Protein backbone atom coordinates (compact mmCIF):
# COMPACT_ATOMS: atom_id res chain seq x y z
CA MET A 1 -1.04 -1.18 -9.87
CA ILE A 2 -3.64 -3.79 -9.07
CA LYS A 3 -4.08 -6.82 -11.33
CA ARG A 4 -7.28 -8.42 -12.64
CA ASP A 5 -6.64 -11.73 -10.90
CA VAL A 6 -7.65 -10.20 -7.53
CA ILE A 7 -11.32 -10.64 -8.51
CA LYS A 8 -11.11 -14.37 -9.22
CA LYS A 9 -12.63 -15.38 -5.88
CA VAL A 10 -15.00 -12.42 -5.50
CA PRO A 11 -18.62 -13.70 -5.21
CA ARG A 12 -21.55 -12.59 -7.35
CA LYS A 13 -23.38 -11.12 -4.33
CA PRO A 14 -24.31 -7.62 -3.14
CA GLY A 15 -21.76 -5.76 -1.06
CA VAL A 16 -19.16 -3.03 -0.79
CA TYR A 17 -15.71 -3.12 -2.39
CA ILE A 18 -12.67 -1.14 -1.23
CA PHE A 19 -9.63 -0.33 -3.35
CA LYS A 20 -6.58 0.37 -1.15
CA ASN A 21 -3.17 1.89 -1.82
CA SER A 22 0.23 0.39 -0.92
CA LYS A 23 -0.22 1.48 2.72
CA GLY A 24 -3.57 -0.26 3.03
CA GLN A 25 -5.50 3.04 3.04
CA PRO A 26 -8.86 3.13 1.19
CA ILE A 27 -8.68 5.25 -1.97
CA TYR A 28 -12.11 4.30 -3.33
CA VAL A 29 -15.21 2.66 -1.87
CA GLY A 30 -18.07 1.43 -4.05
CA LYS A 31 -21.24 -0.64 -3.79
CA ALA A 32 -22.64 -3.29 -6.11
CA LYS A 33 -25.60 -5.60 -6.54
CA ASN A 34 -23.15 -8.09 -8.06
CA LEU A 35 -19.62 -7.55 -6.75
CA LYS A 36 -17.81 -9.69 -9.32
CA SER A 37 -19.62 -8.12 -12.27
CA ARG A 38 -19.07 -4.57 -11.01
CA LEU A 39 -15.38 -5.11 -10.26
CA SER A 40 -14.82 -6.71 -13.66
CA SER A 41 -15.80 -3.41 -15.27
CA TYR A 42 -12.80 -1.68 -13.67
CA PHE A 43 -10.43 -3.93 -15.61
CA ASN A 44 -12.19 -3.41 -18.94
CA PRO A 45 -9.76 -1.46 -21.19
CA SER A 46 -12.59 0.48 -22.86
CA ASN A 47 -13.83 1.70 -19.46
CA GLN A 48 -10.30 2.73 -18.48
CA LEU A 49 -9.99 4.75 -21.67
CA LYS A 50 -13.45 6.27 -21.30
CA TYR A 51 -13.27 7.16 -17.61
CA GLU A 52 -10.11 8.78 -16.25
CA LYS A 53 -11.12 8.07 -12.65
CA VAL A 54 -11.38 4.31 -13.29
CA LEU A 55 -7.86 4.24 -14.74
CA SER A 56 -6.50 6.31 -11.84
CA ILE A 57 -8.04 3.96 -9.26
CA ILE A 58 -6.54 0.87 -10.93
CA LYS A 59 -3.12 2.53 -11.27
CA ASN A 60 -2.99 3.66 -7.64
CA ALA A 61 -4.57 0.62 -6.00
CA GLU A 62 -2.48 -2.26 -4.66
CA TYR A 63 -5.11 -4.19 -2.70
CA LEU A 64 -8.78 -5.03 -2.96
CA ASP A 65 -11.10 -5.78 -0.06
CA TYR A 66 -14.85 -6.33 0.06
CA LEU A 67 -17.74 -6.76 2.51
CA LEU A 68 -20.86 -8.78 1.73
CA ALA A 69 -24.28 -7.28 2.41
CA SER A 70 -27.72 -8.85 2.66
CA SER A 71 -29.15 -6.53 0.00
CA GLU A 72 -28.30 -3.70 -2.37
CA ASP A 73 -29.96 -1.21 0.02
CA GLU A 74 -27.76 -2.38 2.90
CA ALA A 75 -24.70 -2.04 0.66
CA PHE A 76 -25.79 1.51 -0.18
CA ILE A 77 -25.78 2.58 3.50
CA LEU A 78 -22.58 0.68 4.25
CA GLU A 79 -20.83 2.42 1.36
CA ALA A 80 -21.92 5.86 2.59
CA ASN A 81 -20.73 5.12 6.15
CA MET A 82 -17.32 3.97 4.92
CA ILE A 83 -16.88 7.04 2.71
CA TYR A 84 -17.87 9.28 5.63
CA THR A 85 -15.35 7.55 7.93
CA HIS A 86 -12.35 7.09 5.62
CA LYS A 87 -12.85 9.94 3.10
CA PRO A 88 -11.16 8.05 0.23
CA LYS A 89 -9.39 10.19 -2.34
CA TYR A 90 -11.57 9.21 -5.31
CA ASN A 91 -14.89 9.37 -3.44
CA ILE A 92 -14.69 12.91 -2.10
CA LEU A 93 -16.03 14.68 -5.16
CA LEU A 94 -18.08 17.40 -3.48
CA LYS A 95 -15.84 20.38 -2.73
CA ASP A 96 -16.67 23.61 -0.93
CA THR A 97 -14.58 26.72 -0.39
CA ARG A 98 -13.98 25.54 3.14
CA VAL A 99 -15.47 23.14 5.67
CA TYR A 100 -18.81 24.79 6.41
CA PRO A 101 -19.48 25.02 10.17
CA TYR A 102 -22.32 23.52 12.22
CA ILE A 103 -24.07 24.42 15.48
CA LEU A 104 -24.01 21.67 18.11
CA ILE A 105 -26.34 21.30 21.09
CA THR A 106 -24.54 18.79 23.29
CA ASP A 107 -26.18 15.82 24.99
CA GLU A 108 -25.45 16.69 28.65
CA LYS A 109 -27.33 17.42 31.86
CA TYR A 110 -26.88 21.14 31.13
CA PRO A 111 -26.41 21.16 27.33
CA THR A 112 -23.95 23.53 25.66
CA ILE A 113 -24.42 25.45 22.42
CA LYS A 114 -21.26 25.76 20.33
CA TYR A 115 -19.99 26.01 16.78
CA VAL A 116 -18.03 23.08 15.35
CA ARG A 117 -16.32 22.33 12.04
CA THR A 118 -17.32 18.67 11.76
CA LYS A 119 -20.15 16.43 12.92
CA LYS A 120 -17.78 14.28 14.98
CA GLU A 121 -17.12 16.66 17.89
CA ALA A 122 -19.43 15.24 20.57
CA LYS A 123 -22.77 13.55 21.15
CA GLY A 124 -25.71 15.84 20.55
CA LYS A 125 -27.84 17.45 17.85
CA TYR A 126 -26.13 19.15 14.91
CA PHE A 127 -27.64 21.94 12.83
CA GLY A 128 -26.28 23.27 9.54
CA PRO A 129 -24.11 23.50 7.65
CA TYR A 130 -24.11 27.31 7.73
CA PRO A 131 -22.36 29.75 5.38
CA ASN A 132 -19.48 30.82 7.67
CA VAL A 133 -18.13 30.94 11.22
CA ARG A 134 -19.11 34.56 11.78
CA PHE A 135 -22.73 33.76 10.89
CA VAL A 136 -22.73 30.89 13.39
CA LYS A 137 -21.21 33.01 16.16
CA ASP A 138 -23.79 35.73 15.56
CA VAL A 139 -26.63 33.18 15.77
CA ILE A 140 -25.23 31.81 19.03
CA GLU A 141 -24.93 35.33 20.44
CA VAL A 142 -28.59 36.04 19.67
CA LEU A 143 -29.69 32.76 21.26
CA GLN A 144 -27.63 33.37 24.39
CA ARG A 145 -29.07 36.83 24.84
CA VAL A 146 -32.57 35.41 24.63
CA TYR A 147 -32.29 31.95 26.22
CA LYS A 148 -29.11 32.09 28.36
CA VAL A 149 -27.84 28.62 27.39
CA ARG A 150 -24.17 28.14 28.21
CA SER A 151 -21.47 27.94 25.52
CA CYS A 152 -18.50 26.85 27.67
CA ASP A 153 -16.81 23.48 28.26
CA ARG A 154 -16.69 23.80 32.05
CA ASN A 155 -17.21 20.80 34.31
CA MET A 156 -20.73 21.14 35.72
CA ASP A 157 -19.93 18.83 38.64
CA LYS A 158 -17.74 21.51 40.22
CA LYS A 159 -18.78 25.05 41.09
CA SER A 160 -16.47 27.83 39.89
CA LYS A 161 -16.40 31.58 39.38
CA PRO A 162 -18.88 32.82 36.76
CA CYS A 163 -17.62 34.03 33.38
CA PHE A 164 -18.38 37.40 31.81
CA LEU A 165 -21.39 35.99 29.91
CA TYR A 166 -23.11 35.36 33.25
CA HIS A 167 -22.50 38.98 34.27
CA LEU A 168 -23.86 40.13 30.89
CA GLY A 169 -27.06 38.16 31.52
CA MET A 170 -26.32 35.79 28.61
CA CYS A 171 -25.90 32.58 30.64
CA TYR A 172 -27.77 31.02 33.56
CA GLY A 173 -24.41 30.12 35.10
CA PRO A 174 -24.93 26.45 36.06
CA CYS A 175 -21.17 26.26 36.67
CA TYR A 176 -21.53 28.93 39.37
CA LYS A 177 -24.86 28.25 41.08
CA ASP A 178 -27.68 25.73 41.20
CA VAL A 179 -29.98 26.29 38.23
CA ASP A 180 -33.46 24.78 38.01
CA LEU A 181 -32.99 21.91 35.56
CA LYS A 182 -36.51 22.21 34.09
CA LEU A 183 -36.03 25.94 33.45
CA TYR A 184 -32.72 25.24 31.72
CA ARG A 185 -34.09 22.37 29.65
CA ASP A 186 -37.08 24.51 28.57
CA SER A 187 -34.62 27.12 27.30
CA VAL A 188 -32.66 24.46 25.42
CA ASN A 189 -35.90 23.25 23.80
CA GLU A 190 -36.63 26.81 22.68
CA VAL A 191 -33.16 26.96 21.12
CA LEU A 192 -33.84 23.68 19.30
CA GLU A 193 -37.14 25.07 18.00
CA PHE A 194 -35.32 28.16 16.72
CA LEU A 195 -32.64 26.10 14.96
CA ASN A 196 -35.40 24.04 13.37
CA GLY A 197 -36.67 27.23 11.73
CA ARG A 198 -39.06 28.76 14.29
CA VAL A 199 -37.53 32.24 13.97
CA GLU A 200 -40.73 34.24 14.53
CA LYS A 201 -40.99 33.24 18.19
CA VAL A 202 -37.61 34.80 19.00
CA LYS A 203 -38.45 37.93 17.02
CA SER A 204 -41.72 38.30 18.94
CA TYR A 205 -39.85 37.82 22.22
CA LEU A 206 -37.37 40.57 21.30
CA GLU A 207 -40.12 42.97 20.21
CA LYS A 208 -42.01 42.40 23.47
CA ALA A 209 -38.85 42.80 25.57
CA MET A 210 -37.91 45.99 23.73
CA LYS A 211 -41.31 47.53 24.55
CA GLU A 212 -41.23 46.42 28.20
CA TYR A 213 -37.75 47.90 28.76
CA SER A 214 -38.86 51.14 27.08
CA ASP A 215 -41.92 51.34 29.32
CA ILE A 216 -39.76 51.19 32.46
CA LEU A 217 -37.28 53.68 30.93
CA ASN A 218 -34.45 51.13 30.68
CA PHE A 219 -33.39 52.46 27.29
CA GLU A 220 -30.01 50.71 27.34
CA LYS A 221 -31.65 47.27 27.54
CA ALA A 222 -34.31 48.32 25.02
CA ALA A 223 -31.56 49.31 22.56
CA GLN A 224 -29.84 45.98 23.16
CA MET A 225 -33.04 44.12 22.25
CA ARG A 226 -33.50 46.35 19.18
CA ASP A 227 -29.95 45.67 17.96
CA THR A 228 -30.38 41.94 18.52
CA HIS A 229 -33.62 42.05 16.52
CA LYS A 230 -31.84 43.83 13.64
CA LYS A 231 -29.06 41.27 13.69
CA LEU A 232 -31.65 38.49 13.42
CA ASP A 233 -33.18 40.17 10.36
CA LYS A 234 -29.77 40.23 8.69
CA LEU A 235 -28.97 36.62 9.53
CA PHE A 236 -32.24 35.12 8.31
CA VAL A 237 -33.68 36.43 5.03
CA LYS A 238 -37.44 36.18 4.62
CA LEU A 239 -38.39 34.92 1.17
CA GLY A 240 -41.84 36.42 0.78
CA VAL A 241 -45.39 35.09 0.55
CA GLU A 242 -44.41 31.92 -1.31
CA PHE A 243 -42.78 30.37 1.76
CA LYS A 244 -45.00 31.31 4.69
CA THR A 245 -45.47 27.66 5.63
CA ASN A 246 -43.58 25.77 8.31
CA ARG A 247 -42.04 23.40 5.78
CA ASN A 248 -38.29 22.80 5.66
CA ILE A 249 -37.07 23.14 2.09
CA ASP A 250 -33.69 22.78 0.38
CA VAL A 251 -33.43 24.45 -3.01
CA ILE A 252 -30.71 23.07 -5.31
CA MET A 253 -29.59 25.18 -8.29
CA TYR A 254 -26.76 24.00 -10.52
CA GLU A 255 -24.83 24.44 -13.70
CA GLU A 256 -21.82 22.13 -13.63
CA PRO A 257 -19.51 22.42 -11.87
CA ILE A 258 -21.29 24.89 -9.53
CA PHE A 259 -24.00 23.66 -7.15
CA LEU A 260 -25.85 26.20 -5.02
CA LEU A 261 -27.96 25.03 -2.05
CA LEU A 262 -30.43 27.34 -0.28
CA LYS A 263 -31.70 26.09 3.09
CA ILE A 264 -35.17 27.50 3.82
CA ARG A 265 -36.74 26.96 7.21
CA SER A 266 -40.28 28.23 7.97
CA GLY A 267 -40.10 30.83 5.21
CA TYR A 268 -36.60 32.07 6.07
CA MET A 269 -33.39 31.42 4.15
CA VAL A 270 -31.02 30.33 6.90
CA SER A 271 -28.06 29.28 4.76
CA LYS A 272 -26.62 29.68 1.25
CA LEU A 273 -23.92 27.13 0.40
CA THR A 274 -21.78 26.80 -2.72
CA PHE A 275 -20.01 23.65 -3.92
CA THR A 276 -18.12 22.47 -6.98
CA LEU A 277 -18.86 19.01 -8.35
CA ASP A 278 -18.07 17.66 -11.81
CA SER A 279 -21.04 15.32 -11.81
CA THR A 280 -24.83 14.98 -11.72
CA LEU A 281 -27.61 16.03 -9.37
CA GLU A 282 -27.83 12.41 -8.19
CA GLU A 283 -24.17 12.45 -7.15
CA PHE A 284 -24.70 15.77 -5.33
CA LEU A 285 -27.63 14.31 -3.38
CA HIS A 286 -25.55 11.25 -2.53
CA GLN A 287 -22.54 13.26 -1.39
CA PHE A 288 -24.41 15.98 0.55
CA TYR A 289 -27.13 13.97 2.29
CA VAL A 290 -25.97 10.35 2.35
CA VAL A 291 -22.19 10.63 2.69
CA ARG A 292 -21.99 13.86 4.69
CA LYS A 293 -25.08 12.93 6.70
CA ASN A 294 -26.64 16.39 6.53
CA GLU A 295 -30.23 17.00 7.60
CA VAL A 296 -32.82 15.86 5.05
CA PRO A 297 -35.64 18.44 4.71
CA SER A 298 -39.29 17.62 4.08
CA ASN A 299 -39.08 19.07 0.56
CA ILE A 300 -36.28 19.32 -2.00
CA TYR A 301 -36.72 21.65 -4.98
CA THR A 302 -34.44 21.16 -7.97
CA MET A 303 -33.64 23.20 -11.04
CA TYR A 304 -34.10 20.35 -13.50
CA ASP A 305 -36.13 17.15 -13.52
CA GLU A 306 -33.58 14.32 -13.37
CA GLU A 307 -33.98 10.62 -12.69
CA ILE A 308 -32.71 9.67 -9.22
CA SER A 309 -31.81 6.10 -8.24
CA PRO A 310 -34.25 4.14 -6.01
CA GLN A 311 -31.58 3.77 -3.28
CA ILE A 312 -31.11 7.52 -2.90
CA GLN A 313 -34.87 8.17 -3.11
CA SER A 314 -35.44 5.53 -0.44
CA TYR A 315 -32.73 6.96 1.84
CA LEU A 316 -34.12 10.49 1.58
CA LYS A 317 -37.68 9.36 2.29
CA LYS A 318 -36.63 7.26 5.28
CA ASN A 319 -34.90 10.34 6.69
CA GLY A 320 -37.83 12.75 6.35
CA MET A 321 -38.21 13.83 2.72
CA LYS A 322 -41.83 13.95 1.60
CA SER A 323 -41.31 15.18 -1.95
CA MET A 324 -38.69 16.17 -4.51
CA MET A 325 -39.86 18.35 -7.37
CA LYS A 326 -38.66 20.57 -10.17
CA MET A 327 -39.34 24.28 -9.63
CA SER A 328 -41.35 26.44 -11.97
CA ARG A 329 -39.11 28.94 -13.75
CA ASN A 330 -41.70 31.63 -13.00
CA SER A 331 -41.61 31.05 -9.24
CA THR A 332 -40.10 33.60 -6.87
CA ILE A 333 -37.64 31.10 -5.41
CA PHE A 334 -36.40 30.01 -8.86
CA LYS A 335 -35.66 33.59 -9.82
CA PHE A 336 -33.97 34.24 -6.48
CA GLY A 337 -31.88 31.07 -6.75
CA PHE A 338 -30.97 31.61 -10.41
CA LYS A 339 -29.72 35.12 -9.67
CA ASN A 340 -27.45 33.76 -6.93
CA LEU A 341 -26.28 30.83 -9.09
CA ASP A 342 -25.41 33.19 -11.94
CA ASP A 343 -23.39 35.30 -9.51
CA GLU A 344 -21.51 32.22 -8.24
CA ILE A 345 -20.66 31.10 -11.79
CA LYS A 346 -19.28 34.53 -12.65
CA ARG A 347 -17.06 34.42 -9.57
CA TYR A 348 -15.86 30.94 -10.42
CA THR A 349 -14.89 31.85 -13.99
CA ASP A 350 -13.53 35.38 -13.45
CA LEU A 351 -10.24 34.69 -11.66
CA GLY A 352 -8.47 37.56 -13.43
CA ASN A 353 -10.89 40.07 -11.98
CA THR A 354 -10.61 38.43 -8.53
CA LEU A 355 -6.83 38.92 -8.57
CA LYS A 356 -7.30 42.59 -9.49
CA GLN A 357 -9.79 42.95 -6.63
CA ALA A 358 -7.26 41.29 -4.30
CA LYS A 359 -4.72 43.99 -5.13
CA ASP A 360 -7.19 46.74 -4.22
CA ILE A 361 -8.95 45.14 -1.24
CA LEU A 362 -5.75 43.83 0.41
CA ASN A 363 -3.78 46.95 -0.56
CA LEU A 364 -1.09 44.91 -2.33
CA LYS A 365 1.78 46.35 -4.34
CA LYS A 366 0.90 44.38 -7.47
CA VAL A 367 -1.70 41.98 -8.85
CA PRO A 368 -0.85 38.64 -7.12
CA LYS A 369 -0.35 36.49 -10.22
CA LYS A 370 1.97 34.24 -8.24
CA ILE A 371 0.86 33.23 -4.74
CA GLU A 372 2.66 30.80 -2.44
CA GLY A 373 1.07 29.43 0.73
CA ILE A 374 2.75 27.83 3.76
CA ASP A 375 1.23 25.63 6.49
CA ILE A 376 2.71 23.71 9.43
CA SER A 377 1.39 20.34 10.59
CA HIS A 378 2.34 18.18 13.56
CA LEU A 379 0.89 15.60 15.92
CA GLN A 380 1.35 16.81 19.51
CA GLY A 381 4.70 18.26 18.48
CA LEU A 382 5.91 15.09 16.76
CA TYR A 383 6.52 14.64 13.02
CA THR A 384 6.49 18.39 12.31
CA VAL A 385 6.25 19.05 8.58
CA ALA A 386 5.50 22.02 6.35
CA SER A 387 3.81 22.36 3.00
CA LEU A 388 4.24 25.02 0.34
CA VAL A 389 1.66 25.35 -2.43
CA ASN A 390 2.00 27.42 -5.57
CA PHE A 391 -0.82 29.27 -7.34
CA GLU A 392 -0.35 30.77 -10.81
CA ASP A 393 -3.03 33.21 -12.01
CA GLY A 394 -5.38 32.07 -9.25
CA LYS A 395 -5.10 28.34 -10.00
CA PRO A 396 -3.05 25.61 -8.27
CA ASN A 397 0.25 24.79 -9.98
CA LYS A 398 0.92 21.40 -8.41
CA GLU A 399 4.34 21.09 -10.02
CA GLY A 400 5.39 23.94 -7.75
CA TYR A 401 4.19 22.24 -4.53
CA ARG A 402 6.94 21.42 -2.02
CA ARG A 403 7.19 19.56 1.31
CA TYR A 404 9.61 20.20 4.15
CA ARG A 405 10.55 17.90 7.02
CA LEU A 406 11.25 19.74 10.27
CA ASP A 407 12.81 16.97 12.34
CA GLU A 408 14.61 19.44 14.59
CA PHE A 409 11.33 20.37 16.32
CA LYS A 410 10.47 17.92 19.12
CA GLU A 411 7.61 20.02 20.54
CA PRO A 412 5.02 22.38 19.00
CA ASN A 413 6.52 25.69 17.84
CA ASP A 414 4.59 27.06 14.87
CA PHE A 415 6.34 30.43 14.92
CA GLU A 416 9.86 29.04 14.71
CA SER A 417 8.71 26.36 12.25
CA ILE A 418 7.39 29.05 9.90
CA ARG A 419 10.61 31.07 10.25
CA THR A 420 12.61 27.95 9.37
CA VAL A 421 10.58 27.12 6.26
CA VAL A 422 10.60 30.71 4.98
CA ARG A 423 14.39 30.87 5.39
CA ARG A 424 14.85 27.55 3.59
CA ARG A 425 12.52 28.44 0.75
CA TYR A 426 13.54 32.00 -0.07
CA LYS A 427 17.25 31.57 0.47
CA LYS A 428 17.23 29.68 -2.84
CA HIS A 429 14.03 30.71 -4.64
CA ASP A 430 12.47 33.93 -5.88
CA LEU A 431 9.75 35.62 -3.84
CA PRO A 432 6.11 35.31 -5.00
CA ASP A 433 3.84 38.32 -5.48
CA LEU A 434 1.92 37.30 -2.35
CA LEU A 435 3.05 35.03 0.48
CA PHE A 436 0.12 33.43 2.33
CA ILE A 437 0.60 32.01 5.82
CA ASP A 438 -1.99 29.66 7.33
CA GLY A 439 -2.41 31.31 10.72
CA GLY A 440 -2.95 34.54 12.63
CA LYS A 441 -0.86 37.62 13.23
CA GLY A 442 1.84 35.78 15.19
CA GLN A 443 2.48 33.36 12.32
CA VAL A 444 2.45 36.18 9.74
CA ASN A 445 4.94 38.23 11.77
CA SER A 446 7.20 35.17 12.09
CA ALA A 447 7.32 34.88 8.29
CA VAL A 448 8.18 38.58 7.96
CA GLN A 449 10.99 38.22 10.53
CA ALA A 450 12.50 35.34 8.53
CA LEU A 451 12.33 37.40 5.32
CA GLU A 452 14.11 40.27 7.08
CA GLU A 453 16.89 37.87 8.14
CA LEU A 454 17.36 37.10 4.44
CA GLY A 455 17.60 40.80 3.60
CA TYR A 456 14.03 41.31 2.35
CA ASP A 457 11.33 43.63 3.67
CA LEU A 458 7.67 44.36 2.99
CA LYS A 459 8.64 46.45 -0.04
CA ASP A 460 9.70 43.21 -1.73
CA VAL A 461 6.66 41.03 -1.01
CA ASP A 462 3.17 41.20 0.52
CA VAL A 463 2.36 38.80 3.35
CA VAL A 464 -1.13 37.91 4.65
CA GLY A 465 -2.78 35.17 6.70
CA ILE A 466 -6.24 34.02 7.80
CA ALA A 467 -7.19 33.61 11.46
CA LYS A 468 -9.04 30.28 11.67
CA GLU A 469 -11.49 31.27 14.39
CA ASP A 470 -13.50 33.69 12.23
CA GLU A 471 -11.85 33.77 8.79
CA ARG A 472 -10.53 37.33 9.13
CA VAL A 473 -7.57 38.40 6.99
CA VAL A 474 -4.51 39.39 9.04
CA PHE A 475 -1.52 41.51 8.05
CA PRO A 476 1.98 42.06 9.49
CA GLY A 477 2.78 44.47 12.32
CA GLU A 478 0.17 46.98 13.43
CA MET A 479 -1.97 46.78 10.31
CA PRO A 480 -5.60 46.14 11.36
CA ASP A 481 -7.33 42.87 10.50
CA LEU A 482 -9.82 42.79 7.64
CA HIS A 483 -13.27 41.15 7.82
CA LEU A 484 -14.72 40.12 4.46
CA ASN A 485 -17.99 38.33 3.76
CA LEU A 486 -17.47 34.65 2.98
CA ASP A 487 -18.95 35.11 -0.48
CA ASN A 488 -16.34 37.78 -1.27
CA PRO A 489 -14.27 36.30 -4.14
CA VAL A 490 -10.99 37.56 -2.66
CA LEU A 491 -11.59 35.82 0.67
CA ARG A 492 -12.67 32.68 -1.14
CA LEU A 493 -9.42 32.68 -3.12
CA LEU A 494 -7.39 32.99 0.09
CA ILE A 495 -9.44 30.21 1.69
CA PHE A 496 -8.77 28.04 -1.36
CA VAL A 497 -5.02 28.61 -0.90
CA ARG A 498 -5.36 27.91 2.84
CA ASP A 499 -7.27 24.67 2.27
CA GLU A 500 -4.66 23.48 -0.25
CA THR A 501 -1.76 24.17 2.14
CA HIS A 502 -3.59 22.39 4.94
CA ARG A 503 -4.52 19.37 2.83
CA PHE A 504 -0.99 19.04 1.48
CA ALA A 505 0.64 19.38 4.93
CA ILE A 506 -1.73 16.92 6.62
CA GLY A 507 -1.17 14.37 3.86
CA PHE A 508 2.62 14.58 4.24
CA ASN A 509 2.34 14.37 8.02
CA ARG A 510 0.29 11.17 7.83
CA GLN A 511 2.64 9.66 5.27
CA LEU A 512 5.68 10.42 7.43
CA ARG A 513 4.06 9.07 10.59
CA SER A 514 3.07 5.88 8.80
CA LYS A 515 6.58 5.24 7.44
CA ARG A 516 8.31 5.93 10.75
CA TYR A 517 5.87 3.86 12.76
CA GLU A 518 6.06 0.87 10.47
CA LYS A 519 9.84 0.92 10.53
CA THR A 520 9.96 1.09 14.32
CA LYS A 521 7.41 -1.67 15.01
CA LEU A 522 8.80 -4.15 12.50
CA ASP A 523 12.32 -3.56 13.78
CA GLU A 524 11.16 -4.75 17.19
CA VAL A 525 10.35 -8.24 15.87
CA PRO A 526 13.18 -10.79 16.35
CA GLY A 527 14.04 -12.48 13.06
CA ILE A 528 12.82 -9.61 10.85
CA GLY A 529 15.58 -8.21 8.65
CA PRO A 530 15.48 -5.92 5.59
CA LYS A 531 14.48 -8.79 3.24
CA ARG A 532 11.53 -10.04 5.30
CA LYS A 533 10.44 -6.51 6.12
CA LYS A 534 10.25 -5.74 2.40
CA GLN A 535 8.32 -8.95 1.75
CA LEU A 536 5.73 -8.05 4.40
CA ILE A 537 5.26 -4.45 3.24
CA ASN A 538 4.98 -5.53 -0.41
CA GLU A 539 2.43 -8.19 0.49
CA TYR A 540 0.27 -6.30 3.03
CA GLY A 541 1.02 -2.61 2.65
CA SER A 542 0.49 -1.64 6.30
CA LEU A 543 0.81 -2.87 9.88
CA ASN A 544 -2.96 -3.06 10.25
CA ASN A 545 -3.21 -5.45 7.32
CA ILE A 546 -0.38 -7.59 8.72
CA LEU A 547 -2.12 -7.71 12.09
CA LYS A 548 -5.38 -8.82 10.46
CA ALA A 549 -3.74 -11.55 8.38
CA PRO A 550 -3.76 -15.17 9.67
CA THR A 551 -0.50 -16.37 11.23
CA GLU A 552 -0.33 -19.27 8.77
CA GLU A 553 -0.53 -16.85 5.83
CA ILE A 554 2.24 -14.63 7.21
CA ALA A 555 4.38 -17.71 7.80
CA LYS A 556 4.14 -18.61 4.11
CA VAL A 557 5.17 -15.08 3.07
CA ILE A 558 8.34 -15.04 5.21
CA ASN A 559 8.86 -18.82 5.31
CA SER A 560 8.90 -19.04 9.14
CA GLU A 561 6.02 -19.96 11.45
CA LYS A 562 8.07 -18.99 14.53
CA VAL A 563 8.75 -15.45 13.30
CA ALA A 564 5.15 -15.09 12.13
CA LYS A 565 3.98 -15.77 15.70
CA LYS A 566 6.49 -13.19 16.99
CA ILE A 567 5.09 -10.62 14.54
CA LYS A 568 1.55 -11.15 15.82
CA GLN A 569 2.75 -10.84 19.43
CA VAL A 570 4.59 -7.55 18.83
CA LEU A 571 1.94 -5.95 16.64
CA GLY A 572 -0.76 -7.13 19.01
CA GLU A 573 0.68 -4.74 21.59
CA LYS A 574 -0.48 -1.74 19.58
């Protein structure tokens, strides 16, 4: 727990402050016009009683750091960048049912179009987020049929055999033959226009191609163009006369804790996204646009008229927003958005009905009132760990969460890791109603094999998983996979379980790596025994903080200038 005396030397200037845990990891990042005044409020007992988050930050923080800024506006941007980079526990308030995917057009000589899960994959232009992976893959398929832009990661400096997309006429094949660079770049520009909302041009192209193929009696190609046109109509919903302009609009509907965002581009709804956030519209704008760095449209329509801080208004305007306004309740878009928001709220609050639907849709033996989920995490085969999360009546029961160290695995082996965890868990504990495995059919079958070794079979428990590539539900043995729409409440429940297992496993993996690494590196320093090691960890929390500290300061902590120099030498080799 951090003490008030850490703010004694903090200046009364604008900047960013960072609360860190015992390992030196940021747990909260904030900005202030007056750092000392703002930080003082965290140690005010009345604030700690009033705001649970303030008390939690103070209880879990061990260190305080800060960065000075030239102005409050500069601090605002710096804060957002640090939250985006470090994702501190108490800053990440905006939660979605999963990490919504993006489309990336890479910055290369022959750019690639691909779907990605974060905006850190490669240099290029990102579009989205979009509602689900299947939607993104369908969009990419349409664009490749029309514009033939590659989607592979092949090295363009070496010629190789063409892939099946080239033979299907869906790629120019720059990996196989010389392709006119201007022709290719023109196609890429058309793709960029489409992703910016110019859908009509592609539809006109498909209609024209369909007629031309029909005229020359190539009915197979004509049917292909027709089917692609139909797919485009399903992917992008036209929202009537009210939005026939070329404006880019985001519509935000909300009733805490549900926030619904409709992305409208040139009159078409290209994405419907749902989030939970126990806060205000201002915090949603900050988290979605500033922290997550999503595209800012020219217009933002909101459900209510709320006061927004000058910093957020300024950021949005600098990044392309021309106006933010409250919608009329009689408008078409308000009625459309409200209907969808109402549906989302019902799904959020009706967990009992979702569990009953899960029994029917997944063909389970009973309503899954108790669900346990398992995930495996490792770093290139090292530090393999497993997490087990427990859900009771559709909600996380964190007292039932468990972690497993799998030190016996020195290289990646998810199948055997899952078998090991299942054997350990259910040798001593009762089976849940539904066992969820984070992975595809191979992982699910591994879990079933382990249960059979313990004397159980599929009459005793249902087992399912989710294949990450397209969010399809997988079952054991020969049972066919099940595709559900992302807004299906059953799939969203399974994704919630999956995300919890993943988060819990990754957190344990990082913790284990940090502990092992620190022990190894400090043991390499001559003159460092258990007592000095403890002094250093208590004082600095992590190797990074020790490395940053002045040698003279370290010398005072361990009472030896010679050993302090040795520490800097060894840690400097990182």
